[in-house]
Amino acid sequence: MFEKLVAIEPVSLIPSAEKELFQYAKEVVLYDDIPADDEEIIRRIGDADAVLLSYTSRIERPVLERCPNIRYIGMCCSLYSEASANVDIAYARTKGIKVLGIRDYGDRGVVEYVLHELTGILHGFGMPMLRDEPVEIYGLKVGIVGLGVSGRMIADALSFLGADISYYSRTRKPDAEQTGMTYKPLNQLLQDSEVVFTCLNKNVLLLGKEEFAQLGSGKVLFNTSIGPGFDSAALEDWLTQPGSHFFCDTRAAAGPVADGFFDRPNVHCQNVSAGRTKQAFVLLSQKVLANIQTALAE
């Protein structure tokens, strides 16, 4: 059992999971706002030996140096790699601090968002119609850039509806190819696809000026990555081409764009995280608690 566990900011646990935290620490403190700076984070952590945080704050080396009691940090958000994490995991390791994160808890909501927006533009439901007449997903040439968990879920859903799926990934996916999906080099995929989805890890930027030139006009680009999967300036240039459309659920997914970007008629952004659903919070809570149990068992 931990001596003191502090959630330095809202971490999206469901009420029953918050109550369960008291089984794992003698004292539990849950903050309901985001700390303004490192000094406030240090104050909130104090003498705690376990810390929880979400994606809205960072715990870097200066914080870890001044909070010597920490032995566990639980990231209540996606952890894809040390390089993209909002915790200095490498330095934490040198101090014997265990850092665990979660992933794959909000993907179902993202798939539903994709289906909603894609059918909208194909049929003209509440937005300009992509072609001169309504078209179905059946036979649509779809390119998936990044066939991880969420990319594969999107591919499977669209494949079920009859889309022609191609993918590009760092490694070939034989199981996907056995279901009829086709691997293509990135430039070929961009040329051949009518609709492209970037489903990449945080801080992975694959599309630049050359790639957008390969994508060309009359195409639709969805970004379902946590951050932009492209050079934002190149995206803005591409959107000047006729018939181009860009979709993202949150504004952060577009990256550093110019003022007025989201006022463009061919930019479609709900500015709501599609993965933050009731079911996702339940799954997030289960994974956060499981990580705490793992840390205590070691």
Protein backbone atom coordinates (compact mmCIF):
# COMPACT_ATOMS: atom_id res chain seq x y z
CA MET A 1 0.00 0.00 0.00
CA PHE A 2 1.17 3.53 -0.77
CA GLU A 3 1.49 6.05 2.02
CA LYS A 4 -0.03 8.89 0.03
CA LEU A 5 -1.49 9.00 -3.48
CA VAL A 6 -2.14 12.36 -5.17
CA ALA A 7 -3.95 13.02 -8.43
CA ILE A 8 -2.46 16.38 -9.36
CA GLU A 9 -5.32 17.18 -11.77
CA PRO A 10 -8.62 15.68 -13.01
CA VAL A 11 -7.85 12.17 -14.25
CA SER A 12 -11.31 11.11 -15.51
CA LEU A 13 -11.82 8.17 -13.16
CA ILE A 14 -15.40 7.08 -12.61
CA PRO A 15 -16.70 7.53 -9.01
CA SER A 16 -16.37 3.86 -8.07
CA ALA A 17 -12.73 3.87 -9.21
CA GLU A 18 -12.01 6.98 -7.15
CA LYS A 19 -13.35 5.17 -4.10
CA GLU A 20 -11.23 2.12 -4.88
CA LEU A 21 -8.08 4.26 -4.74
CA PHE A 22 -8.44 4.27 -0.96
CA GLN A 23 -7.71 0.51 -0.99
CA TYR A 24 -4.24 1.22 -2.33
CA ALA A 25 -3.09 4.21 -0.25
CA LYS A 26 -3.43 5.32 3.35
CA GLU A 27 -4.14 8.86 2.17
CA VAL A 28 -5.67 9.93 -1.15
CA VAL A 29 -5.86 13.51 -2.45
CA LEU A 30 -7.69 14.29 -5.70
CA TYR A 31 -7.38 17.76 -7.23
CA ASP A 32 -10.18 18.98 -9.49
CA ASP A 33 -8.27 21.59 -11.50
CA ILE A 34 -5.13 21.70 -13.64
CA PRO A 35 -1.98 23.00 -11.92
CA ALA A 36 -0.66 26.25 -13.33
CA ASP A 37 3.05 25.43 -13.29
CA ASP A 38 5.79 23.18 -11.90
CA GLU A 39 5.76 24.94 -8.55
CA GLU A 40 2.10 24.11 -8.10
CA ILE A 41 2.69 20.50 -9.19
CA ILE A 42 5.50 20.18 -6.63
CA ARG A 43 3.27 21.67 -3.94
CA ARG A 44 0.46 19.27 -4.75
CA ILE A 45 2.72 16.21 -4.77
CA GLY A 46 4.45 17.15 -1.55
CA ASP A 47 5.54 14.01 0.28
CA ALA A 48 3.37 11.65 -1.79
CA ASP A 49 4.88 8.36 -2.94
CA ALA A 50 2.28 7.78 -5.69
CA VAL A 51 1.12 10.31 -8.28
CA LEU A 52 -1.59 10.27 -10.94
CA LEU A 53 -1.85 12.70 -13.83
CA SER A 54 -3.69 13.05 -17.12
CA TYR A 55 -2.54 14.47 -20.46
CA THR A 56 -3.00 18.11 -19.43
CA SER A 57 0.13 18.42 -17.25
CA ARG A 58 3.76 17.33 -17.41
CA ILE A 59 6.09 15.88 -14.81
CA GLU A 60 9.63 16.62 -15.88
CA ARG A 61 13.00 16.18 -14.21
CA PRO A 62 12.84 19.40 -12.11
CA VAL A 63 9.64 18.17 -10.48
CA LEU A 64 11.03 14.69 -9.85
CA GLU A 65 14.19 16.15 -8.31
CA ARG A 66 12.16 18.05 -5.74
CA CYS A 67 9.72 15.25 -4.90
CA PRO A 68 12.05 12.50 -3.61
CA ASN A 69 9.34 10.31 -2.10
CA ILE A 70 7.74 9.38 -5.41
CA ARG A 71 7.97 5.70 -6.26
CA TYR A 72 5.06 5.39 -8.69
CA ILE A 73 3.57 7.64 -11.38
CA GLY A 74 0.36 6.55 -13.06
CA MET A 75 -0.41 8.19 -16.38
CA CYS A 76 -4.20 8.26 -16.78
CA CYS A 77 -3.75 8.89 -20.48
CA SER A 78 -2.21 7.26 -23.51
CA LEU A 79 1.42 6.17 -23.27
CA TYR A 80 2.73 5.26 -26.72
CA SER A 81 6.45 5.86 -26.24
CA GLU A 82 8.89 7.46 -23.83
CA ALA A 83 9.65 10.19 -26.34
CA SER A 84 6.03 11.30 -26.59
CA ALA A 85 5.15 10.89 -22.90
CA ASN A 86 4.30 13.84 -20.65
CA VAL A 87 6.48 12.28 -17.92
CA ASP A 88 10.28 12.14 -18.03
CA ILE A 89 10.29 8.36 -17.89
CA ALA A 90 14.01 8.00 -18.55
CA TYR A 91 14.95 10.17 -15.58
CA ALA A 92 12.28 8.55 -13.41
CA ARG A 93 13.87 5.18 -14.14
CA THR A 94 17.20 6.38 -12.77
CA LYS A 95 15.43 7.20 -9.51
CA GLY A 96 13.71 3.84 -9.29
CA ILE A 97 10.31 5.38 -10.03
CA LYS A 98 7.84 3.10 -11.79
CA VAL A 99 5.85 4.84 -14.54
CA LEU A 100 2.87 3.12 -16.13
CA GLY A 101 0.43 4.48 -18.68
CA ILE A 102 -2.56 3.18 -20.58
CA ARG A 103 -3.75 3.06 -24.16
CA ASP A 104 -6.55 1.76 -26.38
CA TYR A 105 -9.43 2.91 -24.21
CA GLY A 106 -11.22 5.42 -26.47
CA ASP A 107 -10.93 3.80 -29.89
CA ARG A 108 -14.54 2.69 -30.31
CA GLY A 109 -15.75 6.27 -30.05
CA VAL A 110 -13.25 7.30 -32.73
CA VAL A 111 -14.62 4.67 -35.11
CA GLU A 112 -18.15 5.95 -34.56
CA TYR A 113 -16.97 9.53 -35.19
CA VAL A 114 -15.39 8.43 -38.47
CA LEU A 115 -18.56 6.69 -39.64
CA HIS A 116 -20.66 9.72 -38.73
CA GLU A 117 -18.51 12.24 -40.56
CA LEU A 118 -17.68 10.05 -43.54
CA THR A 119 -21.30 9.19 -44.27
CA GLY A 120 -22.09 12.88 -43.81
CA ILE A 121 -19.78 14.05 -46.58
CA LEU A 122 -20.51 11.11 -48.89
CA HIS A 123 -24.28 11.68 -48.69
CA GLY A 124 -24.32 15.41 -47.97
CA PHE A 125 -25.85 14.99 -44.51
CA GLY A 126 -25.39 18.40 -42.86
CA MET A 127 -22.36 19.32 -44.97
CA PRO A 128 -21.31 19.77 -48.60
CA MET A 129 -21.47 16.52 -50.56
CA LEU A 130 -18.12 15.22 -51.82
CA ARG A 131 -19.31 14.22 -55.29
CA ASP A 132 -22.13 15.33 -57.58
CA GLU A 133 -24.39 12.59 -56.24
CA PRO A 134 -24.54 10.57 -52.99
CA VAL A 135 -22.09 7.68 -52.80
CA GLU A 136 -21.79 4.78 -50.39
CA ILE A 137 -18.79 3.54 -48.47
CA TYR A 138 -19.07 0.40 -50.59
CA GLY A 139 -16.25 0.47 -53.15
CA LEU A 140 -14.69 3.61 -51.67
CA LYS A 141 -10.89 3.64 -51.98
CA VAL A 142 -9.67 4.17 -48.42
CA GLY A 143 -6.06 4.55 -47.29
CA ILE A 144 -5.05 4.00 -43.67
CA VAL A 145 -1.74 5.53 -42.61
CA GLY A 146 -0.73 3.70 -39.43
CA LEU A 147 -2.39 0.34 -38.86
CA GLY A 148 -2.19 0.18 -35.09
CA VAL A 149 -5.16 -0.56 -32.87
CA SER A 150 -7.32 2.42 -33.86
CA GLY A 151 -6.25 2.30 -37.50
CA ARG A 152 -7.14 -1.37 -37.72
CA MET A 153 -10.53 -0.77 -36.05
CA ILE A 154 -11.34 1.94 -38.59
CA ALA A 155 -10.15 -0.30 -41.43
CA ASP A 156 -12.23 -3.23 -40.18
CA ALA A 157 -15.36 -1.10 -39.82
CA LEU A 158 -15.05 0.37 -43.31
CA SER A 159 -14.09 -2.98 -44.78
CA PHE A 160 -17.28 -4.48 -43.32
CA LEU A 161 -19.22 -1.84 -45.26
CA GLY A 162 -17.41 -2.75 -48.48
CA ALA A 163 -14.61 -0.19 -48.72
CA ASP A 164 -11.46 -1.03 -50.66
CA ILE A 165 -8.78 -0.76 -47.94
CA SER A 166 -5.09 -0.02 -48.48
CA TYR A 167 -2.67 0.66 -45.66
CA TYR A 168 0.79 2.00 -44.99
CA SER A 169 2.63 1.07 -41.81
CA ARG A 170 6.20 0.80 -40.58
CA THR A 171 5.80 -2.96 -40.67
CA ARG A 172 3.68 -5.19 -42.86
CA LYS A 173 0.55 -6.66 -41.30
CA PRO A 174 0.04 -10.16 -42.71
CA ASP A 175 -3.17 -10.68 -40.74
CA ALA A 176 -4.68 -7.54 -42.31
CA GLU A 177 -3.59 -8.62 -45.77
CA GLN A 178 -5.25 -11.99 -45.25
CA THR A 179 -8.56 -10.15 -44.85
CA GLY A 180 -8.11 -8.37 -48.19
CA MET A 181 -6.34 -5.18 -47.16
CA THR A 182 -3.48 -4.13 -49.44
CA TYR A 183 -0.11 -2.77 -48.33
CA LYS A 184 1.12 0.17 -50.42
CA PRO A 185 4.08 2.55 -50.12
CA LEU A 186 2.93 5.87 -48.71
CA ASN A 187 3.08 7.89 -51.93
CA GLN A 188 1.20 5.21 -53.85
CA LEU A 189 -1.45 4.99 -51.16
CA LEU A 190 -1.96 8.76 -51.23
CA GLN A 191 -2.31 8.80 -55.01
CA ASP A 192 -4.75 5.89 -55.13
CA SER A 193 -7.04 6.72 -52.20
CA GLU A 194 -10.17 8.86 -52.21
CA VAL A 195 -10.21 9.12 -48.42
CA VAL A 196 -7.10 8.91 -46.21
CA PHE A 197 -6.91 8.41 -42.46
CA THR A 198 -3.80 9.25 -40.45
CA CYS A 199 -3.79 7.06 -37.32
CA LEU A 200 -0.33 7.75 -35.94
CA ASN A 201 1.41 7.91 -32.60
CA LYS A 202 1.92 11.28 -30.99
CA ASN A 203 4.65 13.43 -32.58
CA VAL A 204 4.88 11.25 -35.71
CA LEU A 205 4.64 13.57 -38.75
CA LEU A 206 4.52 11.73 -42.07
CA LEU A 207 2.81 14.09 -44.49
CA GLY A 208 4.70 17.10 -45.81
CA LYS A 209 4.53 19.20 -48.95
CA GLU A 210 5.58 16.32 -51.22
CA GLU A 211 3.07 13.90 -49.71
CA PHE A 212 0.19 16.37 -50.02
CA ALA A 213 1.14 16.85 -53.66
CA GLN A 214 0.81 13.09 -54.10
CA LEU A 215 -2.59 13.20 -52.38
CA GLY A 216 -3.84 15.80 -54.84
CA SER A 217 -7.23 17.44 -55.20
CA GLY A 218 -10.72 16.10 -54.65
CA LYS A 219 -9.65 14.03 -51.66
CA VAL A 220 -10.67 13.74 -48.00
CA LEU A 221 -8.17 13.57 -45.12
CA PHE A 222 -9.13 12.47 -41.61
CA ASN A 223 -6.67 12.84 -38.77
CA THR A 224 -7.56 10.59 -35.84
CA SER A 225 -4.10 10.79 -34.26
CA ILE A 226 -3.59 12.43 -30.86
CA GLY A 227 -1.67 15.26 -32.56
CA PRO A 228 -1.11 16.26 -36.16
CA GLY A 229 0.34 13.54 -38.38
CA PHE A 230 1.51 16.12 -40.91
CA ASP A 231 3.14 19.47 -41.45
CA SER A 232 0.33 21.91 -40.68
CA ALA A 233 1.49 24.54 -43.19
CA ALA A 234 1.49 21.90 -45.93
CA LEU A 235 -2.04 20.90 -44.88
CA GLU A 236 -3.22 24.50 -45.23
CA ASP A 237 -1.70 24.75 -48.72
CA TRP A 238 -3.35 21.48 -49.73
CA LEU A 239 -6.76 22.72 -48.62
CA THR A 240 -6.64 25.41 -51.30
CA GLN A 241 -7.02 22.67 -53.92
CA PRO A 242 -10.56 22.15 -55.25
CA GLY A 243 -12.62 19.43 -53.60
CA SER A 244 -10.26 18.88 -50.67
CA HIS A 245 -11.70 18.30 -47.18
CA PHE A 246 -10.09 17.87 -43.78
CA PHE A 247 -11.67 16.29 -40.69
CA CYS A 248 -10.46 16.18 -37.09
CA ASP A 249 -12.34 15.78 -33.83
CA THR A 250 -10.34 18.35 -31.81
CA ARG A 251 -8.55 21.50 -32.88
CA ALA A 252 -5.29 20.19 -31.45
CA ALA A 253 -5.32 17.51 -34.14
CA ALA A 254 -4.73 20.15 -36.80
CA GLY A 255 -1.53 21.42 -35.19
CA PRO A 256 -0.29 25.03 -35.36
CA VAL A 257 -2.59 26.45 -38.06
CA ALA A 258 -3.30 30.07 -38.99
CA ASP A 259 -6.14 32.15 -37.59
CA GLY A 260 -9.36 31.43 -39.40
CA PHE A 261 -8.35 27.88 -40.32
CA PHE A 262 -11.42 26.36 -38.70
CA ASP A 263 -13.70 28.82 -40.47
CA ARG A 264 -12.85 27.30 -43.84
CA PRO A 265 -15.86 25.55 -45.40
CA ASN A 266 -13.74 22.49 -46.20
CA VAL A 267 -12.44 22.09 -42.63
CA HIS A 268 -14.71 20.03 -40.39
CA CYS A 269 -13.92 19.97 -36.68
CA GLN A 270 -16.39 19.14 -33.91
CA ASN A 271 -13.78 20.24 -31.33
CA VAL A 272 -14.85 17.38 -29.08
CA SER A 273 -12.64 14.39 -28.35
CA ALA A 274 -14.42 11.48 -30.01
CA GLY A 275 -12.80 8.97 -27.69
CA ARG A 276 -14.06 10.53 -24.45
CA THR A 277 -17.23 8.52 -23.95
CA LYS A 278 -18.93 6.94 -20.94
CA GLN A 279 -17.58 3.54 -21.91
CA ALA A 280 -14.09 4.92 -22.47
CA PHE A 281 -13.97 6.38 -18.95
CA VAL A 282 -14.96 3.00 -17.52
CA LEU A 283 -12.19 1.27 -19.46
CA LEU A 284 -9.70 4.01 -18.56
CA SER A 285 -10.55 3.56 -14.87
CA GLN A 286 -10.11 -0.21 -15.06
CA LYS A 287 -6.68 0.16 -16.66
CA VAL A 288 -5.51 2.83 -14.21
CA LEU A 289 -6.47 0.63 -11.24
CA ALA A 290 -4.83 -2.41 -12.82
CA ASN A 291 -1.60 -0.43 -13.21
CA ILE A 292 -1.67 0.57 -9.54
CA GLN A 293 -2.11 -3.08 -8.58
CA THR A 294 0.84 -4.02 -10.82
CA ALA A 295 3.04 -1.35 -9.27
CA LEU A 296 2.22 -2.46 -5.75
CA ALA A 297 2.85 -6.11 -6.58
CA GLU A 298 6.42 -5.48 -7.72
